[in-house]
């Protein structure tokens, strides 16, 4: 990709808006803060706009309080988008991933649009697209972008730790097959900037509440179904469960991965009932393509071994459809995963 136009645009101070997807995770916020920290050093005016609020365990990344939630501050967010010279779209491939209203504002903005993402099949709305599905994370791609612009030396410790958090979480602590030698080389460079890996891990993973652990126990004990003949397992969470355990954003983060920790399980699904829809989180080992599975049955997608989906039917109907889809995929699911 020819970066000369972007590089020229960044030679003088600009109004820059960084956007990311609904229900922002560590890669979404990490890549946004990592990019913001560096561009801020160049004298640009930076704002980060998210569709909705992120989990509490990511608060440490927003020390400058520059993150604006679109659903809480509609008018401010629209004003910032309309005044932007450049809009970065991070960690999402389609405008639908930031919501209809937010997406329309970005689409209709006069700003130069730059997409940096690692999901499949990106839309054609941006002026510049940096898309690599083999990358471990958008945070890794943001680092590559800074290197290509020759401004990575401006990165701060906070920005480096934010990018590290995005890479760490999207690679499942460096255990997913998206983790490459290049990923580790990137992490080494971030560590030289000053990343304290133990502290980042603690901020992300060691912030459990007693209620969250009780919720996990309830799910493992009462909301789990195993299909040993299909090497598959799924968990589900009802609206009643969410009220009983006072579930907050981020409380179920990573629960789907527990299924893959069980011997013989190669496909794990977490199903969550919301007021107006049912959401899926899919994870797999080996050669089972959850992007294709989700796209075929539940209008979603993502990566080969990690994807999301949704259904507008009731939880009961959705679970029934999901189990039928499992059976239809039997020929792919029974293939063993070689350890």
C-alpha atoms as a PDB file:
ATOM      1  CA  UNK A   1       0.000   0.000   0.000  1.00  0.00           C
ATOM      2  CA  UNK A   2       1.189   3.534  -0.799  1.00  0.00           C
ATOM      3  CA  UNK A   3       1.301   5.435   2.499  1.00  0.00           C
ATOM      4  CA  UNK A   4       2.542   8.687   0.979  1.00  0.00           C
ATOM      5  CA  UNK A   5      -0.885  10.367   0.962  1.00  0.00           C
ATOM      6  CA  UNK A   6      -1.581   9.469   4.587  1.00  0.00           C
ATOM      7  CA  UNK A   7       1.942  10.440   5.563  1.00  0.00           C
ATOM      8  CA  UNK A   8       1.534  13.827   3.879  1.00  0.00           C
ATOM      9  CA  UNK A   9      -1.842  14.360   5.573  1.00  0.00           C
ATOM     10  CA  UNK A  10      -0.247  13.686   8.967  1.00  0.00           C
ATOM     11  CA  UNK A  11       2.526  16.232   8.406  1.00  0.00           C
ATOM     12  CA  UNK A  12       0.365  19.024   9.861  1.00  0.00           C
ATOM     13  CA  UNK A  13      -2.031  18.946  12.845  1.00  0.00           C
ATOM     14  CA  UNK A  14      -5.404  17.390  12.037  1.00  0.00           C
ATOM     15  CA  UNK A  15      -8.686  16.615  13.775  1.00  0.00           C
ATOM     16  CA  UNK A  16      -8.572  12.832  13.984  1.00  0.00           C
ATOM     17  CA  UNK A  17     -11.360  10.524  15.126  1.00  0.00           C
ATOM     18  CA  UNK A  18     -10.632   6.873  15.907  1.00  0.00           C
ATOM     19  CA  UNK A  19     -13.609   4.502  15.895  1.00  0.00           C
ATOM     20  CA  UNK A  20     -14.068   0.858  16.834  1.00  0.00           C
ATOM     21  CA  UNK A  21     -16.801  -1.762  17.110  1.00  0.00           C
ATOM     22  CA  UNK A  22     -19.816  -2.435  19.341  1.00  0.00           C
ATOM     23  CA  UNK A  23     -18.949  -4.037  22.700  1.00  0.00           C
ATOM     24  CA  UNK A  24     -15.295  -2.993  22.476  1.00  0.00           C
ATOM     25  CA  UNK A  25     -12.787  -5.557  23.706  1.00  0.00           C
ATOM     26  CA  UNK A  26      -9.113  -5.224  24.585  1.00  0.00           C
ATOM     27  CA  UNK A  27      -7.995  -5.304  20.940  1.00  0.00           C
ATOM     28  CA  UNK A  28     -10.535  -2.623  19.983  1.00  0.00           C
ATOM     29  CA  UNK A  29      -9.585  -0.254  22.817  1.00  0.00           C
ATOM     30  CA  UNK A  30      -5.917  -1.248  22.773  1.00  0.00           C
ATOM     31  CA  UNK A  31      -5.431  -0.558  19.061  1.00  0.00           C
ATOM     32  CA  UNK A  32      -7.346   2.726  19.401  1.00  0.00           C
ATOM     33  CA  UNK A  33      -5.303   3.986  22.353  1.00  0.00           C
ATOM     34  CA  UNK A  34      -2.047   2.732  20.821  1.00  0.00           C
ATOM     35  CA  UNK A  35      -2.726   4.706  17.646  1.00  0.00           C
ATOM     36  CA  UNK A  36      -3.982   7.758  19.552  1.00  0.00           C
ATOM     37  CA  UNK A  37      -0.918   7.951  21.799  1.00  0.00           C
ATOM     38  CA  UNK A  38       1.476   8.093  18.846  1.00  0.00           C
ATOM     39  CA  UNK A  39      -0.552  10.506  16.711  1.00  0.00           C
ATOM     40  CA  UNK A  40      -0.961  12.756  19.741  1.00  0.00           C
ATOM     41  CA  UNK A  41       2.839  13.069  19.888  1.00  0.00           C
ATOM     42  CA  UNK A  42       2.698  14.526  16.363  1.00  0.00           C
ATOM     43  CA  UNK A  43       0.415  17.316  17.572  1.00  0.00           C
ATOM     44  CA  UNK A  44      -2.877  15.999  16.194  1.00  0.00           C
ATOM     45  CA  UNK A  45      -6.165  16.476  18.043  1.00  0.00           C
ATOM     46  CA  UNK A  46      -7.354  12.963  18.813  1.00  0.00           C
ATOM     47  CA  UNK A  47     -10.779  11.686  19.852  1.00  0.00           C
ATOM     48  CA  UNK A  48     -11.809   8.033  20.235  1.00  0.00           C
ATOM     49  CA  UNK A  49     -15.481   7.232  19.711  1.00  0.00           C
ATOM     50  CA  UNK A  50     -16.935   3.840  20.651  1.00  0.00           C
ATOM     51  CA  UNK A  51     -20.526   2.724  19.925  1.00  0.00           C
ATOM     52  CA  UNK A  52     -21.120   1.770  23.561  1.00  0.00           C
ATOM     53  CA  UNK A  53     -19.218   1.649  26.804  1.00  0.00           C
ATOM     54  CA  UNK A  54     -16.370  -0.826  27.274  1.00  0.00           C
ATOM     55  CA  UNK A  55     -15.801  -3.170  30.279  1.00  0.00           C
ATOM     56  CA  UNK A  56     -14.417  -1.716  33.494  1.00  0.00           C
ATOM     57  CA  UNK A  57     -11.220  -3.787  33.294  1.00  0.00           C
ATOM     58  CA  UNK A  58     -10.115  -1.655  30.319  1.00  0.00           C
ATOM     59  CA  UNK A  59     -10.442   1.669  32.187  1.00  0.00           C
ATOM     60  CA  UNK A  60      -6.672   1.896  32.725  1.00  0.00           C
ATOM     61  CA  UNK A  61      -6.145   2.540  29.015  1.00  0.00           C
ATOM     62  CA  UNK A  62      -8.195   5.752  29.022  1.00  0.00           C
ATOM     63  CA  UNK A  63      -6.060   7.899  31.300  1.00  0.00           C
ATOM     64  CA  UNK A  64      -6.720  10.986  29.147  1.00  0.00           C
ATOM     65  CA  UNK A  65     -10.522  10.441  29.270  1.00  0.00           C
ATOM     66  CA  UNK A  66     -10.620  10.892  25.515  1.00  0.00           C
ATOM     67  CA  UNK A  67     -13.028   8.010  24.778  1.00  0.00           C
ATOM     68  CA  UNK A  68     -16.592   9.095  23.903  1.00  0.00           C
ATOM     69  CA  UNK A  69     -19.487   6.599  23.893  1.00  0.00           C
ATOM     70  CA  UNK A  70     -21.787   7.287  20.926  1.00  0.00           C
ATOM     71  CA  UNK A  71     -24.879   5.901  22.657  1.00  0.00           C
ATOM     72  CA  UNK A  72     -24.380   8.232  25.647  1.00  0.00           C
ATOM     73  CA  UNK A  73     -23.118  11.368  23.882  1.00  0.00           C
ATOM     74  CA  UNK A  74     -24.831  11.403  20.488  1.00  0.00           C
ATOM     75  CA  UNK A  75     -24.491  15.071  19.689  1.00  0.00           C
ATOM     76  CA  UNK A  76     -20.880  15.413  20.829  1.00  0.00           C
ATOM     77  CA  UNK A  77     -19.893  12.329  18.827  1.00  0.00           C
ATOM     78  CA  UNK A  78     -21.653  13.604  15.687  1.00  0.00           C
ATOM     79  CA  UNK A  79     -19.951  16.985  16.043  1.00  0.00           C
ATOM     80  CA  UNK A  80     -16.530  15.365  16.353  1.00  0.00           C
ATOM     81  CA  UNK A  81     -17.179  13.168  13.292  1.00  0.00           C
ATOM     82  CA  UNK A  82     -18.368  16.118  11.214  1.00  0.00           C
ATOM     83  CA  UNK A  83     -15.284  18.158  12.171  1.00  0.00           C
ATOM     84  CA  UNK A  84     -12.828  15.330  11.544  1.00  0.00           C
ATOM     85  CA  UNK A  85     -10.160  15.523   8.863  1.00  0.00           C
ATOM     86  CA  UNK A  86      -9.307  11.820   9.177  1.00  0.00           C
ATOM     87  CA  UNK A  87     -11.393   8.951  10.576  1.00  0.00           C
ATOM     88  CA  UNK A  88      -9.721   5.652  11.476  1.00  0.00           C
ATOM     89  CA  UNK A  89     -11.900   2.527  11.583  1.00  0.00           C
ATOM     90  CA  UNK A  90     -10.172  -0.040  13.785  1.00  0.00           C
ATOM     91  CA  UNK A  91     -10.992  -3.705  14.397  1.00  0.00           C
ATOM     92  CA  UNK A  92     -14.171  -3.864  12.310  1.00  0.00           C
ATOM     93  CA  UNK A  93     -14.740  -4.759   8.676  1.00  0.00           C
ATOM     94  CA  UNK A  94     -18.263  -3.408   8.103  1.00  0.00           C
ATOM     95  CA  UNK A  95     -20.066  -0.253   9.224  1.00  0.00           C
ATOM     96  CA  UNK A  96     -22.870  -2.427  10.608  1.00  0.00           C
ATOM     97  CA  UNK A  97     -20.374  -3.442  13.312  1.00  0.00           C
ATOM     98  CA  UNK A  98     -20.587   0.040  14.840  1.00  0.00           C
ATOM     99  CA  UNK A  99     -24.388   0.360  14.609  1.00  0.00           C
ATOM    100  CA  UNK A 100     -26.659   1.955  12.019  1.00  0.00           C
ATOM    101  CA  UNK A 101     -26.688   5.536  13.345  1.00  0.00           C
ATOM    102  CA  UNK A 102     -22.969   5.645  14.084  1.00  0.00           C
ATOM    103  CA  UNK A 103     -22.195   3.902  10.800  1.00  0.00           C
ATOM    104  CA  UNK A 104     -24.202   6.412   8.763  1.00  0.00           C
ATOM    105  CA  UNK A 105     -22.380   9.313  10.437  1.00  0.00           C
ATOM    106  CA  UNK A 106     -19.013   7.803   9.501  1.00  0.00           C
ATOM    107  CA  UNK A 107     -20.148   6.925   5.976  1.00  0.00           C
ATOM    108  CA  UNK A 108     -21.420  10.446   5.262  1.00  0.00           C
ATOM    109  CA  UNK A 109     -18.482  12.261   6.849  1.00  0.00           C
ATOM    110  CA  UNK A 110     -16.231  14.248   4.497  1.00  0.00           C
ATOM    111  CA  UNK A 111     -13.110  13.082   6.332  1.00  0.00           C
ATOM    112  CA  UNK A 112     -10.508  10.792   4.776  1.00  0.00           C
ATOM    113  CA  UNK A 113     -11.328   7.279   6.003  1.00  0.00           C
ATOM    114  CA  UNK A 114      -8.698   4.677   6.892  1.00  0.00           C
ATOM    115  CA  UNK A 115      -9.620   1.104   7.878  1.00  0.00           C
ATOM    116  CA  UNK A 116      -7.175  -1.093   9.803  1.00  0.00           C
ATOM    117  CA  UNK A 117      -8.555  -4.551  10.547  1.00  0.00           C
ATOM    118  CA  UNK A 118      -7.921  -8.308  10.522  1.00  0.00           C
ATOM    119  CA  UNK A 119     -11.439  -9.652   9.865  1.00  0.00           C
ATOM    120  CA  UNK A 120     -12.577 -11.198   6.594  1.00  0.00           C
ATOM    121  CA  UNK A 121     -14.372  -9.445   3.725  1.00  0.00           C
ATOM    122  CA  UNK A 122     -13.997  -5.735   4.569  1.00  0.00           C
ATOM    123  CA  UNK A 123     -16.520  -3.262   3.153  1.00  0.00           C
ATOM    124  CA  UNK A 124     -15.420  -0.719   0.554  1.00  0.00           C
ATOM    125  CA  UNK A 125     -16.407   2.457   2.460  1.00  0.00           C
ATOM    126  CA  UNK A 126     -12.858   3.629   3.398  1.00  0.00           C
ATOM    127  CA  UNK A 127     -10.458   5.558   1.187  1.00  0.00           C
ATOM    128  CA  UNK A 128      -7.581   3.410   2.430  1.00  0.00           C
ATOM    129  CA  UNK A 129      -7.813  -0.180   3.651  1.00  0.00           C
ATOM    130  CA  UNK A 130      -5.206  -2.115   5.614  1.00  0.00           C
ATOM    131  CA  UNK A 131      -6.663  -5.599   5.959  1.00  0.00           C
ATOM    132  CA  UNK A 132      -4.757  -8.759   6.853  1.00  0.00           C
ATOM    133  CA  UNK A 133      -6.692 -11.790   8.081  1.00  0.00           C
ATOM    134  CA  UNK A 134      -3.463 -13.588   8.969  1.00  0.00           C
ATOM    135  CA  UNK A 135      -2.574 -10.911  11.546  1.00  0.00           C
ATOM    136  CA  UNK A 136      -2.972 -11.842  15.193  1.00  0.00           C
ATOM    137  CA  UNK A 137      -4.889  -8.694  16.000  1.00  0.00           C
ATOM    138  CA  UNK A 138      -5.681  -5.160  14.905  1.00  0.00           C
ATOM    139  CA  UNK A 139      -3.196  -3.994  17.549  1.00  0.00           C
ATOM    140  CA  UNK A 140      -0.416  -5.773  15.677  1.00  0.00           C
ATOM    141  CA  UNK A 141      -1.546  -4.120  12.423  1.00  0.00           C
ATOM    142  CA  UNK A 142      -1.570  -0.693  14.088  1.00  0.00           C
ATOM    143  CA  UNK A 143       2.039  -1.234  15.157  1.00  0.00           C
ATOM    144  CA  UNK A 144       2.914  -2.195  11.560  1.00  0.00           C
ATOM    145  CA  UNK A 145       1.152   0.975  10.376  1.00  0.00           C
ATOM    146  CA  UNK A 146       3.226   3.124  12.738  1.00  0.00           C
ATOM    147  CA  UNK A 147       6.395   1.394  11.529  1.00  0.00           C
ATOM    148  CA  UNK A 148       5.455   2.007   7.891  1.00  0.00           C
ATOM    149  CA  UNK A 149       4.916   5.691   8.703  1.00  0.00           C
ATOM    150  CA  UNK A 150       8.281   5.689  10.548  1.00  0.00           C
ATOM    151  CA  UNK A 151       6.746   7.116  13.720  1.00  0.00           C
ATOM    152  CA  UNK A 152       6.841   4.044  15.992  1.00  0.00           C
ATOM    153  CA  UNK A 153       9.657   5.684  17.980  1.00  0.00           C
ATOM    154  CA  UNK A 154       7.062   8.186  19.296  1.00  0.00           C
ATOM    155  CA  UNK A 155       5.049   5.468  21.024  1.00  0.00           C
ATOM    156  CA  UNK A 156       4.465   5.947  24.756  1.00  0.00           C
ATOM    157  CA  UNK A 157       4.518   3.302  27.484  1.00  0.00           C
ATOM    158  CA  UNK A 158       0.719   3.541  27.789  1.00  0.00           C
ATOM    159  CA  UNK A 159       0.304   3.121  24.032  1.00  0.00           C
ATOM    160  CA  UNK A 160       2.689   0.174  23.970  1.00  0.00           C
ATOM    161  CA  UNK A 161       0.876  -1.507  26.873  1.00  0.00           C
ATOM    162  CA  UNK A 162      -2.489  -0.927  25.171  1.00  0.00           C
ATOM    163  CA  UNK A 163      -1.220  -2.575  21.963  1.00  0.00           C
ATOM    164  CA  UNK A 164       0.292  -5.415  23.989  1.00  0.00           C
ATOM    165  CA  UNK A 165      -3.060  -5.985  25.720  1.00  0.00           C
ATOM    166  CA  UNK A 166      -4.805  -6.180  22.347  1.00  0.00           C
ATOM    167  CA  UNK A 167      -2.304  -8.704  21.008  1.00  0.00           C
ATOM    168  CA  UNK A 168      -2.264 -10.748  24.221  1.00  0.00           C
ATOM    169  CA  UNK A 169      -6.044 -11.132  24.412  1.00  0.00           C
ATOM    170  CA  UNK A 170      -6.702 -11.707  20.701  1.00  0.00           C
ATOM    171  CA  UNK A 171      -4.103 -14.482  20.627  1.00  0.00           C
ATOM    172  CA  UNK A 172      -5.525 -16.142  23.755  1.00  0.00           C
ATOM    173  CA  UNK A 173      -2.284 -15.379  25.603  1.00  0.00           C
ATOM    174  CA  UNK A 174      -0.266 -16.329  22.506  1.00  0.00           C
ATOM    175  CA  UNK A 175      -1.766 -19.811  22.137  1.00  0.00           C
ATOM    176  CA  UNK A 176      -3.945 -19.366  19.020  1.00  0.00           C
ATOM    177  CA  UNK A 177      -2.503 -20.321  15.639  1.00  0.00           C
ATOM    178  CA  UNK A 178      -2.698 -16.671  14.562  1.00  0.00           C
ATOM    179  CA  UNK A 179       0.358 -16.149  16.785  1.00  0.00           C
ATOM    180  CA  UNK A 180       3.355 -15.936  14.471  1.00  0.00           C
ATOM    181  CA  UNK A 181       7.063 -15.315  14.930  1.00  0.00           C
ATOM    182  CA  UNK A 182       6.331 -11.781  13.751  1.00  0.00           C
ATOM    183  CA  UNK A 183       3.777 -11.406  16.565  1.00  0.00           C
ATOM    184  CA  UNK A 184       6.465 -12.233  19.120  1.00  0.00           C
ATOM    185  CA  UNK A 185       8.893  -9.861  17.405  1.00  0.00           C
ATOM    186  CA  UNK A 186       6.288  -7.087  17.680  1.00  0.00           C
ATOM    187  CA  UNK A 187       5.764  -7.868  21.355  1.00  0.00           C
ATOM    188  CA  UNK A 188       9.525  -7.736  21.935  1.00  0.00           C
ATOM    189  CA  UNK A 189       9.623  -4.234  20.442  1.00  0.00           C
ATOM    190  CA  UNK A 190       6.705  -3.143  22.632  1.00  0.00           C
ATOM    191  CA  UNK A 191       8.442  -4.543  25.701  1.00  0.00           C
ATOM    192  CA  UNK A 192      11.540  -2.486  24.891  1.00  0.00           C
ATOM    193  CA  UNK A 193       9.339   0.620  25.089  1.00  0.00           C
ATOM    194  CA  UNK A 194       8.480  -0.321  28.664  1.00  0.00           C
ATOM    195  CA  UNK A 195       5.554  -2.761  28.723  1.00  0.00           C
ATOM    196  CA  UNK A 196       5.265  -4.415  32.132  1.00  0.00           C
ATOM    197  CA  UNK A 197       3.668  -7.691  31.072  1.00  0.00           C
ATOM    198  CA  UNK A 198       2.717  -8.839  34.572  1.00  0.00           C
ATOM    199  CA  UNK A 199       0.841  -5.617  35.268  1.00  0.00           C
ATOM    200  CA  UNK A 200      -1.008  -5.724  31.936  1.00  0.00           C
ATOM    201  CA  UNK A 201      -2.030  -9.338  32.592  1.00  0.00           C
ATOM    202  CA  UNK A 202      -3.255  -8.422  36.070  1.00  0.00           C
ATOM    203  CA  UNK A 203      -5.312  -5.490  34.753  1.00  0.00           C
ATOM    204  CA  UNK A 204      -7.022  -7.723  32.186  1.00  0.00           C
ATOM    205  CA  UNK A 205      -7.417 -11.115  33.849  1.00  0.00           C
ATOM    206  CA  UNK A 206      -7.118 -10.656  37.614  1.00  0.00           C
ATOM    207  CA  UNK A 207     -10.038  -8.291  38.098  1.00  0.00           C
ATOM    208  CA  UNK A 208     -12.785 -10.858  38.780  1.00  0.00           C
ATOM    209  CA  UNK A 209     -15.598 -10.044  41.149  1.00  0.00           C
ATOM    210  CA  UNK A 210     -17.057 -12.689  43.448  1.00  0.00           C
ATOM    211  CA  UNK A 211     -20.303 -12.387  41.471  1.00  0.00           C
ATOM    212  CA  UNK A 212     -18.540 -13.137  38.175  1.00  0.00           C
ATOM    213  CA  UNK A 213     -16.990 -16.293  39.589  1.00  0.00           C
ATOM    214  CA  UNK A 214     -20.367 -17.380  40.949  1.00  0.00           C
ATOM    215  CA  UNK A 215     -21.854 -16.749  37.503  1.00  0.00           C
ATOM    216  CA  UNK A 216     -19.169 -18.909  35.899  1.00  0.00           C
ATOM    217  CA  UNK A 217     -19.881 -21.679  38.410  1.00  0.00           C
ATOM    218  CA  UNK A 218     -23.606 -21.463  37.650  1.00  0.00           C
ATOM    219  CA  UNK A 219     -22.985 -21.708  33.896  1.00  0.00           C
ATOM    220  CA  UNK A 220     -20.607 -24.662  34.201  1.00  0.00           C
ATOM    221  CA  UNK A 221     -22.998 -26.462  36.549  1.00  0.00           C
ATOM    222  CA  UNK A 222     -26.377 -25.640  34.995  1.00  0.00           C
ATOM    223  CA  UNK A 223     -25.951 -24.141  31.525  1.00  0.00           C
ATOM    224  CA  UNK A 224     -23.657 -26.561  29.715  1.00  0.00           C
ATOM    225  CA  UNK A 225     -24.386 -29.248  27.140  1.00  0.00           C
ATOM    226  CA  UNK A 226     -21.808 -31.578  25.632  1.00  0.00           C
ATOM    227  CA  UNK A 227     -21.933 -33.436  22.315  1.00  0.00           C
ATOM    228  CA  UNK A 228     -18.978 -35.837  22.763  1.00  0.00           C
ATOM    229  CA  UNK A 229     -19.686 -37.567  19.441  1.00  0.00           C
ATOM    230  CA  UNK A 230     -19.262 -34.193  17.704  1.00  0.00           C
ATOM    231  CA  UNK A 231     -16.355 -32.966  19.851  1.00  0.00           C
ATOM    232  CA  UNK A 232     -18.562 -29.988  20.683  1.00  0.00           C
ATOM    233  CA  UNK A 233     -19.876 -28.152  23.713  1.00  0.00           C
ATOM    234  CA  UNK A 234     -22.046 -25.121  24.303  1.00  0.00           C
ATOM    235  CA  UNK A 235     -23.035 -22.877  27.192  1.00  0.00           C
ATOM    236  CA  UNK A 236     -25.950 -20.494  27.436  1.00  0.00           C
ATOM    237  CA  UNK A 237     -27.003 -17.533  29.549  1.00  0.00           C
ATOM    238  CA  UNK A 238     -30.619 -16.440  29.996  1.00  0.00           C
ATOM    239  CA  UNK A 239     -32.030 -13.000  30.734  1.00  0.00           C
ATOM    240  CA  UNK A 240     -33.109 -14.353  34.107  1.00  0.00           C
ATOM    241  CA  UNK A 241     -29.518 -15.427  34.830  1.00  0.00           C
ATOM    242  CA  UNK A 242     -28.237 -11.974  33.880  1.00  0.00           C
ATOM    243  CA  UNK A 243     -30.649 -10.295  36.289  1.00  0.00           C
ATOM    244  CA  UNK A 244     -29.942 -12.777  39.085  1.00  0.00           C
ATOM    245  CA  UNK A 245     -26.165 -12.277  38.864  1.00  0.00           C
ATOM    246  CA  UNK A 246     -26.343  -8.586  37.912  1.00  0.00           C
ATOM    247  CA  UNK A 247     -24.264  -9.252  34.794  1.00  0.00           C
ATOM    248  CA  UNK A 248     -22.292  -6.227  33.554  1.00  0.00           C
ATOM    249  CA  UNK A 249     -20.503  -5.651  30.259  1.00  0.00           C
ATOM    250  CA  UNK A 250     -17.401  -7.814  30.123  1.00  0.00           C
ATOM    251  CA  UNK A 251     -18.509 -10.255  32.844  1.00  0.00           C
ATOM    252  CA  UNK A 252     -18.756 -13.175  30.382  1.00  0.00           C
ATOM    253  CA  UNK A 253     -15.580 -12.287  28.477  1.00  0.00           C
ATOM    254  CA  UNK A 254     -13.587 -15.453  27.770  1.00  0.00           C
ATOM    255  CA  UNK A 255     -16.212 -17.894  29.093  1.00  0.00           C
ATOM    256  CA  UNK A 256     -16.466 -19.552  25.664  1.00  0.00           C
ATOM    257  CA  UNK A 257     -12.804 -20.609  25.902  1.00  0.00           C
ATOM    258  CA  UNK A 258     -13.501 -22.897  28.857  1.00  0.00           C
ATOM    259  CA  UNK A 259     -15.137 -25.356  26.447  1.00  0.00           C
ATOM    260  CA  UNK A 260     -11.924 -25.809  24.485  1.00  0.00           C
ATOM    261  CA  UNK A 261     -10.001 -26.553  27.687  1.00  0.00           C
ATOM    262  CA  UNK A 262     -11.921 -29.830  28.037  1.00  0.00           C
ATOM    263  CA  UNK A 263     -10.196 -32.871  26.542  1.00  0.00           C
ATOM    264  CA  UNK A 264     -11.680 -33.837  23.187  1.00  0.00           C
ATOM    265  CA  UNK A 265     -13.625 -30.594  22.643  1.00  0.00           C
ATOM    266  CA  UNK A 266     -12.769 -28.854  19.371  1.00  0.00           C
ATOM    267  CA  UNK A 267     -15.788 -26.543  19.054  1.00  0.00           C
ATOM    268  CA  UNK A 268     -17.140 -24.340  21.851  1.00  0.00           C
ATOM    269  CA  UNK A 269     -20.085 -21.944  21.744  1.00  0.00           C
ATOM    270  CA  UNK A 270     -21.414 -19.387  24.205  1.00  0.00           C
ATOM    271  CA  UNK A 271     -25.035 -18.306  23.663  1.00  0.00           C
ATOM    272  CA  UNK A 272     -26.374 -15.175  25.382  1.00  0.00           C
ATOM    273  CA  UNK A 273     -30.001 -14.032  25.526  1.00  0.00           C
ATOM    274  CA  UNK A 274     -30.530 -10.265  25.204  1.00  0.00           C
ATOM    275  CA  UNK A 275     -33.778  -8.294  25.246  1.00  0.00           C
ATOM    276  CA  UNK A 276     -34.118  -8.217  21.461  1.00  0.00           C
ATOM    277  CA  UNK A 277     -31.767 -10.914  20.171  1.00  0.00           C
ATOM    278  CA  UNK A 278     -29.614 -13.916  20.980  1.00  0.00           C
ATOM    279  CA  UNK A 279     -25.848 -13.587  20.541  1.00  0.00           C
ATOM    280  CA  UNK A 280     -23.269 -16.250  19.761  1.00  0.00           C
ATOM    281  CA  UNK A 281     -19.564 -16.497  20.452  1.00  0.00           C
ATOM    282  CA  UNK A 282     -17.839 -19.368  18.592  1.00  0.00           C
ATOM    283  CA  UNK A 283     -14.356 -20.812  19.133  1.00  0.00           C
ATOM    284  CA  UNK A 284     -12.703 -23.836  17.542  1.00  0.00           C
ATOM    285  CA  UNK A 285      -9.480 -25.799  17.338  1.00  0.00           C
ATOM    286  CA  UNK A 286      -7.982 -27.238  14.211  1.00  0.00           C
ATOM    287  CA  UNK A 287      -9.784 -27.217  10.879  1.00  0.00           C
ATOM    288  CA  UNK A 288     -13.381 -26.391  11.845  1.00  0.00           C
ATOM    289  CA  UNK A 289     -14.174 -23.024  10.254  1.00  0.00           C
ATOM    290  CA  UNK A 290     -16.429 -21.121  12.681  1.00  0.00           C
ATOM    291  CA  UNK A 291     -16.508 -18.074  10.379  1.00  0.00           C
ATOM    292  CA  UNK A 292     -18.181 -20.207   7.714  1.00  0.00           C
ATOM    293  CA  UNK A 293     -20.443 -21.938  10.286  1.00  0.00           C
ATOM    294  CA  UNK A 294     -21.639 -18.622  11.700  1.00  0.00           C
ATOM    295  CA  UNK A 295     -22.049 -16.982   8.311  1.00  0.00           C
ATOM    296  CA  UNK A 296     -24.098 -19.917   7.005  1.00  0.00           C
ATOM    297  CA  UNK A 297     -26.421 -20.340   9.960  1.00  0.00           C
ATOM    298  CA  UNK A 298     -26.445 -17.154  12.045  1.00  0.00           C
ATOM    299  CA  UNK A 299     -25.529 -14.231   9.801  1.00  0.00           C
ATOM    300  CA  UNK A 300     -22.220 -13.605  11.503  1.00  0.00           C
ATOM    301  CA  UNK A 301     -18.544 -14.180  10.914  1.00  0.00           C
ATOM    302  CA  UNK A 302     -15.078 -13.222  12.041  1.00  0.00           C
ATOM    303  CA  UNK A 303     -12.033 -15.465  11.849  1.00  0.00           C
ATOM    304  CA  UNK A 304     -11.416 -19.118  10.994  1.00  0.00           C
ATOM    305  CA  UNK A 305     -11.267 -20.200  14.662  1.00  0.00           C
ATOM    306  CA  UNK A 306     -13.132 -17.316  16.334  1.00  0.00           C
ATOM    307  CA  UNK A 307     -16.403 -15.734  15.249  1.00  0.00           C
ATOM    308  CA  UNK A 308     -19.695 -14.259  16.396  1.00  0.00           C
ATOM    309  CA  UNK A 309     -23.306 -14.457  15.266  1.00  0.00           C
ATOM    310  CA  UNK A 310     -26.839 -13.640  16.285  1.00  0.00           C
ATOM    311  CA  UNK A 311     -30.481 -14.686  16.010  1.00  0.00           C
ATOM    312  CA  UNK A 312     -33.687 -12.672  16.340  1.00  0.00           C
ATOM    313  CA  UNK A 313     -35.674 -15.741  17.455  1.00  0.00           C
ATOM    314  CA  UNK A 314     -36.334 -16.818  21.035  1.00  0.00           C
ATOM    315  CA  UNK A 315     -33.586 -18.475  23.042  1.00  0.00           C
ATOM    316  CA  UNK A 316     -35.355 -21.837  22.847  1.00  0.00           C
ATOM    317  CA  UNK A 317     -35.808 -21.639  19.071  1.00  0.00           C
ATOM    318  CA  UNK A 318     -32.247 -20.446  18.618  1.00  0.00           C
ATOM    319  CA  UNK A 319     -30.778 -23.297  20.647  1.00  0.00           C
ATOM    320  CA  UNK A 320     -32.843 -25.788  18.653  1.00  0.00           C
ATOM    321  CA  UNK A 321     -31.563 -24.303  15.376  1.00  0.00           C
ATOM    322  CA  UNK A 322     -28.011 -24.347  16.715  1.00  0.00           C
ATOM    323  CA  UNK A 323     -28.210 -28.036  17.633  1.00  0.00           C
ATOM    324  CA  UNK A 324     -29.571 -28.835  14.162  1.00  0.00           C
ATOM    325  CA  UNK A 325     -26.693 -26.873  12.622  1.00  0.00           C
ATOM    326  CA  UNK A 326     -24.262 -28.927  14.725  1.00  0.00           C
ATOM    327  CA  UNK A 327     -25.705 -32.158  13.374  1.00  0.00           C
ATOM    328  CA  UNK A 328     -25.513 -30.804   9.805  1.00  0.00           C
ATOM    329  CA  UNK A 329     -21.811 -30.108  10.368  1.00  0.00           C
ATOM    330  CA  UNK A 330     -21.049 -33.578  11.702  1.00  0.00           C
ATOM    331  CA  UNK A 331     -18.623 -34.503   8.908  1.00  0.00           C
ATOM    332  CA  UNK A 332     -16.381 -31.541   9.784  1.00  0.00           C
ATOM    333  CA  UNK A 333     -16.759 -31.775  13.551  1.00  0.00           C
ATOM    334  CA  UNK A 334     -15.762 -35.442  13.943  1.00  0.00           C
ATOM    335  CA  UNK A 335     -12.323 -34.801  12.440  1.00  0.00           C
ATOM    336  CA  UNK A 336      -9.742 -35.193  15.225  1.00  0.00           C
ATOM    337  CA  UNK A 337      -7.512 -32.327  16.293  1.00  0.00           C
ATOM    338  CA  UNK A 338      -3.917 -33.471  16.461  1.00  0.00           C
ATOM    339  CA  UNK A 339      -2.113 -32.205  19.554  1.00  0.00           C
END
